[in-house]
Every structure is written in structure tokens, then in C-alpha cells.
Amino acid sequence: MTSNQQVIELNGESIDATDVSSVADLIEQKNMTGGRFVVVVNDEVVPKSSWAQTSINAGDKVDIMSPISGG
């Protein structure tokens, strides 16, 4: 691993997120732009309106989940 590599945990798996600076970047990089998702960074829910401003840093734990509706 080089010192420039940024590793994060995404949905329980370690990934290289070197080219990712925000939640919005991560969503785009993973080609998930067309769906509805709940994003949690380090156990904090991130509203969609804040995705572009929410930084992703080395060591962060990110979960991206589809919302579940019930009745």
C-alpha cells in the first residue's frame, strides 16, 4: 500500500477510495446515481442534501443501503 492510498470500509469491505473526496464522489464512482439510498458515514446518517459537502477520509466506515419500506 502506498502512502497516497486512501482505504475506507464500504458495506463491510475495505476498498481503495483514493479518488473519492465526498459521499457524492463515492456514489458516482460506484455507479449508484440512479437509485434511492440511505448513506451512513461513521454511524451518522448523511442526508442526500449533504452528500457533496460530506468528506470521505481514510479509515471511514461507510454503509450505503436501499431504504426498506414497511406497512
PDB file of N, CA and C in Angstrom:
ATOM      1  N   MET A   1       0.852  -1.180   0.000  1.00  0.00           N
ATOM      2  CA  MET A   1       0.000   0.000   0.000  1.00  0.00           C
ATOM      3  C   MET A   1       0.895   1.239   0.000  1.00  0.00           C
ATOM      4  N   THR A   2       0.597   2.189  -0.862  1.00  0.00           N
ATOM      5  CA  THR A   2       1.360   3.422  -0.919  1.00  0.00           C
ATOM      6  C   THR A   2       0.785   4.426   0.061  1.00  0.00           C
ATOM      7  N   SER A   3       1.572   5.432   0.387  1.00  0.00           N
ATOM      8  CA  SER A   3       1.104   6.437   1.341  1.00  0.00           C
ATOM      9  C   SER A   3      -0.001   7.310   0.751  1.00  0.00           C
ATOM     10  N   ASN A   4      -0.158   7.305  -0.581  1.00  0.00           N
ATOM     11  CA  ASN A   4      -1.204   8.100  -1.219  1.00  0.00           C
ATOM     12  C   ASN A   4      -2.546   7.382  -1.255  1.00  0.00           C
ATOM     13  N   GLN A   5      -2.565   6.108  -0.914  1.00  0.00           N
ATOM     14  CA  GLN A   5      -3.792   5.326  -0.986  1.00  0.00           C
ATOM     15  C   GLN A   5      -4.696   5.657   0.201  1.00  0.00           C
ATOM     16  N   GLN A   6      -5.980   5.815  -0.084  1.00  0.00           N
ATOM     17  CA  GLN A   6      -6.981   6.100   0.946  1.00  0.00           C
ATOM     18  C   GLN A   6      -7.921   4.904   1.019  1.00  0.00           C
ATOM     19  N   VAL A   7      -7.838   4.149   2.097  1.00  0.00           N
ATOM     20  CA  VAL A   7      -8.668   2.961   2.253  1.00  0.00           C
ATOM     21  C   VAL A   7      -9.813   3.282   3.200  1.00  0.00           C
ATOM     22  N   ILE A   8     -11.027   2.923   2.768  1.00  0.00           N
ATOM     23  CA  ILE A   8     -12.211   3.071   3.609  1.00  0.00           C
ATOM     24  C   ILE A   8     -12.913   1.720   3.675  1.00  0.00           C
ATOM     25  N   GLU A   9     -13.850   1.597   4.602  1.00  0.00           N
ATOM     26  CA  GLU A   9     -14.690   0.403   4.668  1.00  0.00           C
ATOM     27  C   GLU A   9     -16.045   0.759   4.082  1.00  0.00           C
ATOM     28  N   LEU A  10     -16.418   0.069   3.010  1.00  0.00           N
ATOM     29  CA  LEU A  10     -17.702   0.298   2.348  1.00  0.00           C
ATOM     30  C   LEU A  10     -18.532  -0.968   2.458  1.00  0.00           C
ATOM     31  N   ASN A  11     -19.635  -0.875   3.170  1.00  0.00           N
ATOM     32  CA  ASN A  11     -20.525  -2.026   3.363  1.00  0.00           C
ATOM     33  C   ASN A  11     -19.761  -3.255   3.843  1.00  0.00           C
ATOM     34  N   GLY A  12     -18.824  -3.036   4.770  1.00  0.00           N
ATOM     35  CA  GLY A  12     -18.095  -4.137   5.391  1.00  0.00           C
ATOM     36  C   GLY A  12     -16.856  -4.605   4.660  1.00  0.00           C
ATOM     37  N   GLU A  13     -16.525  -4.002   3.510  1.00  0.00           N
ATOM     38  CA  GLU A  13     -15.350  -4.394   2.743  1.00  0.00           C
ATOM     39  C   GLU A  13     -14.392  -3.224   2.605  1.00  0.00           C
ATOM     40  N   SER A  14     -13.099  -3.497   2.748  1.00  0.00           N
ATOM     41  CA  SER A  14     -12.093  -2.458   2.555  1.00  0.00           C
ATOM     42  C   SER A  14     -11.933  -2.190   1.068  1.00  0.00           C
ATOM     43  N   ILE A  15     -11.981  -0.901   0.698  1.00  0.00           N
ATOM     44  CA  ILE A  15     -11.796  -0.523  -0.707  1.00  0.00           C
ATOM     45  C   ILE A  15     -10.837   0.657  -0.782  1.00  0.00           C
ATOM     46  N   ASP A  16     -10.207   0.801  -1.943  1.00  0.00           N
ATOM     47  CA  ASP A  16      -9.366   1.967  -2.211  1.00  0.00           C
ATOM     48  C   ASP A  16     -10.270   3.107  -2.657  1.00  0.00           C
ATOM     49  N   ALA A  17     -10.257   4.183  -1.912  1.00  0.00           N
ATOM     50  CA  ALA A  17     -11.085   5.349  -2.236  1.00  0.00           C
ATOM     51  C   ALA A  17     -10.202   6.573  -2.455  1.00  0.00           C
ATOM     52  N   THR A  18      -9.053   6.355  -3.078  1.00  0.00           N
ATOM     53  CA  THR A  18      -8.084   7.428  -3.283  1.00  0.00           C
ATOM     54  C   THR A  18      -8.666   8.597  -4.064  1.00  0.00           C
ATOM     55  N   ASP A  19      -9.516   8.318  -5.053  1.00  0.00           N
ATOM     56  CA  ASP A  19     -10.081   9.380  -5.888  1.00  0.00           C
ATOM     57  C   ASP A  19     -11.419   9.891  -5.375  1.00  0.00           C
ATOM     58  N   VAL A  20     -11.750   9.579  -4.133  1.00  0.00           N
ATOM     59  CA  VAL A  20     -13.033   9.965  -3.545  1.00  0.00           C
ATOM     60  C   VAL A  20     -12.792  11.018  -2.472  1.00  0.00           C
ATOM     61  N   SER A  21     -13.480  12.163  -2.589  1.00  0.00           N
ATOM     62  CA  SER A  21     -13.337  13.188  -1.555  1.00  0.00           C
ATOM     63  C   SER A  21     -14.638  13.452  -0.814  1.00  0.00           C
ATOM     64  N   SER A  22     -15.765  12.971  -1.375  1.00  0.00           N
ATOM     65  CA  SER A  22     -17.059  13.221  -0.731  1.00  0.00           C
ATOM     66  C   SER A  22     -17.981  12.022  -0.936  1.00  0.00           C
ATOM     67  N   VAL A  23     -19.074  12.013  -0.199  1.00  0.00           N
ATOM     68  CA  VAL A  23     -20.086  10.971  -0.381  1.00  0.00           C
ATOM     69  C   VAL A  23     -20.585  10.984  -1.824  1.00  0.00           C
ATOM     70  N   ALA A  24     -20.812  12.162  -2.385  1.00  0.00           N
ATOM     71  CA  ALA A  24     -21.284  12.260  -3.771  1.00  0.00           C
ATOM     72  C   ALA A  24     -20.293  11.614  -4.738  1.00  0.00           C
ATOM     73  N   ASP A  25     -18.996  11.820  -4.519  1.00  0.00           N
ATOM     74  CA  ASP A  25     -17.973  11.184  -5.358  1.00  0.00           C
ATOM     75  C   ASP A  25     -18.056   9.665  -5.267  1.00  0.00           C
ATOM     76  N   LEU A  26     -18.239   9.159  -4.053  1.00  0.00           N
ATOM     77  CA  LEU A  26     -18.315   7.714  -3.852  1.00  0.00           C
ATOM     78  C   LEU A  26     -19.530   7.123  -4.560  1.00  0.00           C
ATOM     79  N   ILE A  27     -20.678   7.776  -4.430  1.00  0.00           N
ATOM     80  CA  ILE A  27     -21.901   7.320  -5.100  1.00  0.00           C
ATOM     81  C   ILE A  27     -21.682   7.280  -6.615  1.00  0.00           C
ATOM     82  N   GLU A  28     -21.058   8.323  -7.150  1.00  0.00           N
ATOM     83  CA  GLU A  28     -20.802   8.388  -8.594  1.00  0.00           C
ATOM     84  C   GLU A  28     -19.811   7.314  -9.025  1.00  0.00           C
ATOM     85  N   GLN A  29     -18.722   7.149  -8.258  1.00  0.00           N
ATOM     86  CA  GLN A  29     -17.701   6.161  -8.602  1.00  0.00           C
ATOM     87  C   GLN A  29     -18.271   4.739  -8.613  1.00  0.00           C
ATOM     88  N   LYS A  30     -19.216   4.471  -7.744  1.00  0.00           N
ATOM     89  CA  LYS A  30     -19.823   3.139  -7.665  1.00  0.00           C
ATOM     90  C   LYS A  30     -21.034   3.004  -8.592  1.00  0.00           C
ATOM     91  N   ASN A  31     -21.262   4.007  -9.446  1.00  0.00           N
ATOM     92  CA  ASN A  31     -22.370   3.999 -10.414  1.00  0.00           C
ATOM     93  C   ASN A  31     -23.722   3.758  -9.747  1.00  0.00           C
ATOM     94  N   MET A  32     -23.945   4.435  -8.642  1.00  0.00           N
ATOM     95  CA  MET A  32     -25.180   4.275  -7.882  1.00  0.00           C
ATOM     96  C   MET A  32     -26.045   5.527  -7.964  1.00  0.00           C
ATOM     97  N   THR A  33     -25.852   6.348  -8.983  1.00  0.00           N
ATOM     98  CA  THR A  33     -26.515   7.648  -9.053  1.00  0.00           C
ATOM     99  C   THR A  33     -28.004   7.567  -9.349  1.00  0.00           C
ATOM    100  N   GLY A  34     -28.499   6.466  -9.897  1.00  0.00           N
ATOM    101  CA  GLY A  34     -29.894   6.406 -10.309  1.00  0.00           C
ATOM    102  C   GLY A  34     -30.881   5.960  -9.250  1.00  0.00           C
ATOM    103  N   GLY A  35     -30.394   5.475  -8.125  1.00  0.00           N
ATOM    104  CA  GLY A  35     -31.298   4.914  -7.128  1.00  0.00           C
ATOM    105  C   GLY A  35     -31.476   5.789  -5.908  1.00  0.00           C
ATOM    106  N   ARG A  36     -32.303   5.276  -5.004  1.00  0.00           N
ATOM    107  CA  ARG A  36     -32.505   5.940  -3.716  1.00  0.00           C
ATOM    108  C   ARG A  36     -31.736   5.151  -2.670  1.00  0.00           C
ATOM    109  N   PHE A  37     -30.945   5.867  -1.869  1.00  0.00           N
ATOM    110  CA  PHE A  37     -30.085   5.211  -0.903  1.00  0.00           C
ATOM    111  C   PHE A  37     -30.088   5.957   0.415  1.00  0.00           C
ATOM    112  N   VAL A  38     -29.801   5.205   1.454  1.00  0.00           N
ATOM    113  CA  VAL A  38     -29.501   5.783   2.754  1.00  0.00           C
ATOM    114  C   VAL A  38     -27.996   5.638   2.911  1.00  0.00           C
ATOM    115  N   VAL A  39     -27.317   6.737   3.234  1.00  0.00           N
ATOM    116  CA  VAL A  39     -25.870   6.713   3.402  1.00  0.00           C
ATOM    117  C   VAL A  39     -25.542   7.001   4.862  1.00  0.00           C
ATOM    118  N   VAL A  40     -24.695   6.142   5.438  1.00  0.00           N
ATOM    119  CA  VAL A  40     -24.258   6.291   6.821  1.00  0.00           C
ATOM    120  C   VAL A  40     -22.737   6.347   6.811  1.00  0.00           C
ATOM    121  N   VAL A  41     -22.162   7.408   7.382  1.00  0.00           N
ATOM    122  CA  VAL A  41     -20.715   7.553   7.485  1.00  0.00           C
ATOM    123  C   VAL A  41     -20.364   7.597   8.964  1.00  0.00           C
ATOM    124  N   ASN A  42     -19.561   6.630   9.389  1.00  0.00           N
ATOM    125  CA  ASN A  42     -19.140   6.548  10.794  1.00  0.00           C
ATOM    126  C   ASN A  42     -20.333   6.629  11.743  1.00  0.00           C
ATOM    127  N   ASP A  43     -21.357   5.841  11.439  1.00  0.00           N
ATOM    128  CA  ASP A  43     -22.570   5.710  12.265  1.00  0.00           C
ATOM    129  C   ASP A  43     -23.452   6.954  12.287  1.00  0.00           C
ATOM    130  N   GLU A  44     -23.258   7.872  11.347  1.00  0.00           N
ATOM    131  CA  GLU A  44     -24.095   9.071  11.239  1.00  0.00           C
ATOM    132  C   GLU A  44     -24.790   9.070   9.874  1.00  0.00           C
ATOM    133  N   VAL A  45     -26.125   9.156   9.874  1.00  0.00           N
ATOM    134  CA  VAL A  45     -26.871   9.236   8.617  1.00  0.00           C
ATOM    135  C   VAL A  45     -26.554  10.563   7.936  1.00  0.00           C
ATOM    136  N   VAL A  46     -26.256  10.496   6.642  1.00  0.00           N
ATOM    137  CA  VAL A  46     -25.937  11.696   5.867  1.00  0.00           C
ATOM    138  C   VAL A  46     -27.096  11.965   4.911  1.00  0.00           C
ATOM    139  N   PRO A  47     -27.815  13.084   5.097  1.00  0.00           N
ATOM    140  CA  PRO A  47     -28.912  13.400   4.179  1.00  0.00           C
ATOM    141  C   PRO A  47     -28.387  13.651   2.767  1.00  0.00           C
ATOM    142  N   LYS A  48     -29.197  13.304   1.769  1.00  0.00           N
ATOM    143  CA  LYS A  48     -28.783  13.475   0.372  1.00  0.00           C
ATOM    144  C   LYS A  48     -28.360  14.912   0.086  1.00  0.00           C
ATOM    145  N   SER A  49     -28.998  15.867   0.722  1.00  0.00           N
ATOM    146  CA  SER A  49     -28.658  17.279   0.508  1.00  0.00           C
ATOM    147  C   SER A  49     -27.239  17.612   0.974  1.00  0.00           C
ATOM    148  N   SER A  50     -26.618  16.733   1.757  1.00  0.00           N
ATOM    149  CA  SER A  50     -25.269  16.977   2.280  1.00  0.00           C
ATOM    150  C   SER A  50     -24.206  16.087   1.649  1.00  0.00           C
ATOM    151  N   TRP A  51     -24.580  15.237   0.696  1.00  0.00           N
ATOM    152  CA  TRP A  51     -23.615  14.308   0.115  1.00  0.00           C
ATOM    153  C   TRP A  51     -22.399  15.012  -0.476  1.00  0.00           C
ATOM    154  N   ALA A  52     -22.591  16.105  -1.193  1.00  0.00           N
ATOM    155  CA  ALA A  52     -21.469  16.793  -1.846  1.00  0.00           C
ATOM    156  C   ALA A  52     -20.538  17.456  -0.834  1.00  0.00           C
ATOM    157  N   GLN A  53     -21.062  17.838   0.326  1.00  0.00           N
ATOM    158  CA  GLN A  53     -20.262  18.530   1.332  1.00  0.00           C
ATOM    159  C   GLN A  53     -19.672  17.592   2.388  1.00  0.00           C
ATOM    160  N   THR A  54     -20.093  16.326   2.403  1.00  0.00           N
ATOM    161  CA  THR A  54     -19.623  15.394   3.425  1.00  0.00           C
ATOM    162  C   THR A  54     -18.368  14.689   2.940  1.00  0.00           C
ATOM    163  N   SER A  55     -17.256  14.957   3.624  1.00  0.00           N
ATOM    164  CA  SER A  55     -15.958  14.402   3.239  1.00  0.00           C
ATOM    165  C   SER A  55     -15.860  12.920   3.560  1.00  0.00           C
ATOM    166  N   ILE A  56     -15.111  12.221   2.728  1.00  0.00           N
ATOM    167  CA  ILE A  56     -14.736  10.833   2.971  1.00  0.00           C
ATOM    168  C   ILE A  56     -13.232  10.836   3.212  1.00  0.00           C
ATOM    169  N   ASN A  57     -12.817  10.252   4.345  1.00  0.00           N
ATOM    170  CA  ASN A  57     -11.412  10.237   4.728  1.00  0.00           C
ATOM    171  C   ASN A  57     -10.946   8.806   4.966  1.00  0.00           C
ATOM    172  N   ALA A  58      -9.636   8.600   4.875  1.00  0.00           N
ATOM    173  CA  ALA A  58      -9.062   7.280   5.125  1.00  0.00           C
ATOM    174  C   ALA A  58      -9.548   6.757   6.469  1.00  0.00           C
ATOM    175  N   GLY A  59      -9.937   5.493   6.481  1.00  0.00           N
ATOM    176  CA  GLY A  59     -10.394   4.853   7.705  1.00  0.00           C
ATOM    177  C   GLY A  59     -11.874   4.998   7.990  1.00  0.00           C
ATOM    178  N   ASP A  60     -12.581   5.805   7.195  1.00  0.00           N
ATOM    179  CA  ASP A  60     -14.019   5.980   7.415  1.00  0.00           C
ATOM    180  C   ASP A  60     -14.767   4.677   7.150  1.00  0.00           C
ATOM    181  N   LYS A  61     -15.859   4.499   7.884  1.00  0.00           N
ATOM    182  CA  LYS A  61     -16.768   3.367   7.678  1.00  0.00           C
ATOM    183  C   LYS A  61     -18.020   3.917   7.018  1.00  0.00           C
ATOM    184  N   VAL A  62     -18.293   3.457   5.795  1.00  0.00           N
ATOM    185  CA  VAL A  62     -19.429   3.947   5.021  1.00  0.00           C
ATOM    186  C   VAL A  62     -20.353   2.773   4.700  1.00  0.00           C
ATOM    187  N   ASP A  63     -21.633   2.973   4.937  1.00  0.00           N
ATOM    188  CA  ASP A  63     -22.644   1.994   4.550  1.00  0.00           C
ATOM    189  C   ASP A  63     -23.623   2.681   3.613  1.00  0.00           C
ATOM    190  N   ILE A  64     -23.902   2.046   2.482  1.00  0.00           N
ATOM    191  CA  ILE A  64     -24.886   2.542   1.524  1.00  0.00           C
ATOM    192  C   ILE A  64     -25.947   1.460   1.394  1.00  0.00           C
ATOM    193  N   MET A  65     -27.177   1.819   1.750  1.00  0.00           N
ATOM    194  CA  MET A  65     -28.255   0.832   1.792  1.00  0.00           C
ATOM    195  C   MET A  65     -29.478   1.353   1.061  1.00  0.00           C
ATOM    196  N   SER A  66     -30.237   0.434   0.494  1.00  0.00           N
ATOM    197  CA  SER A  66     -31.535   0.786  -0.079  1.00  0.00           C
ATOM    198  C   SER A  66     -32.529   0.912   1.065  1.00  0.00           C
ATOM    199  N   PRO A  67     -33.369   1.944   1.026  1.00  0.00           N
ATOM    200  CA  PRO A  67     -34.363   2.081   2.095  1.00  0.00           C
ATOM    201  C   PRO A  67     -35.382   0.942   2.022  1.00  0.00           C
ATOM    202  N   ILE A  68     -35.856   0.538   3.176  1.00  0.00           N
ATOM    203  CA  ILE A  68     -36.860  -0.523   3.265  1.00  0.00           C
ATOM    204  C   ILE A  68     -38.152   0.105   3.749  1.00  0.00           C
ATOM    205  N   SER A  69     -39.203  -0.103   2.989  1.00  0.00           N
ATOM    206  CA  SER A  69     -40.490   0.438   3.424  1.00  0.00           C
ATOM    207  C   SER A  69     -41.332  -0.693   3.995  1.00  0.00           C
ATOM    208  N   GLY A  70     -42.111  -0.343   4.955  1.00  0.00           N
ATOM    209  CA  GLY A  70     -42.952  -1.344   5.602  1.00  0.00           C
ATOM    210  C   GLY A  70     -44.364  -0.826   5.756  1.00  0.00           C
ATOM    211  N   GLY A  71     -45.179  -1.664   6.306  1.00  0.00           N
ATOM    212  CA  GLY A  71     -46.546  -1.212   6.459  1.00  0.00           C
ATOM    213  C   GLY A  71     -47.220  -1.812   7.653  1.00  0.00           C
TER     214      GLY A  71
END
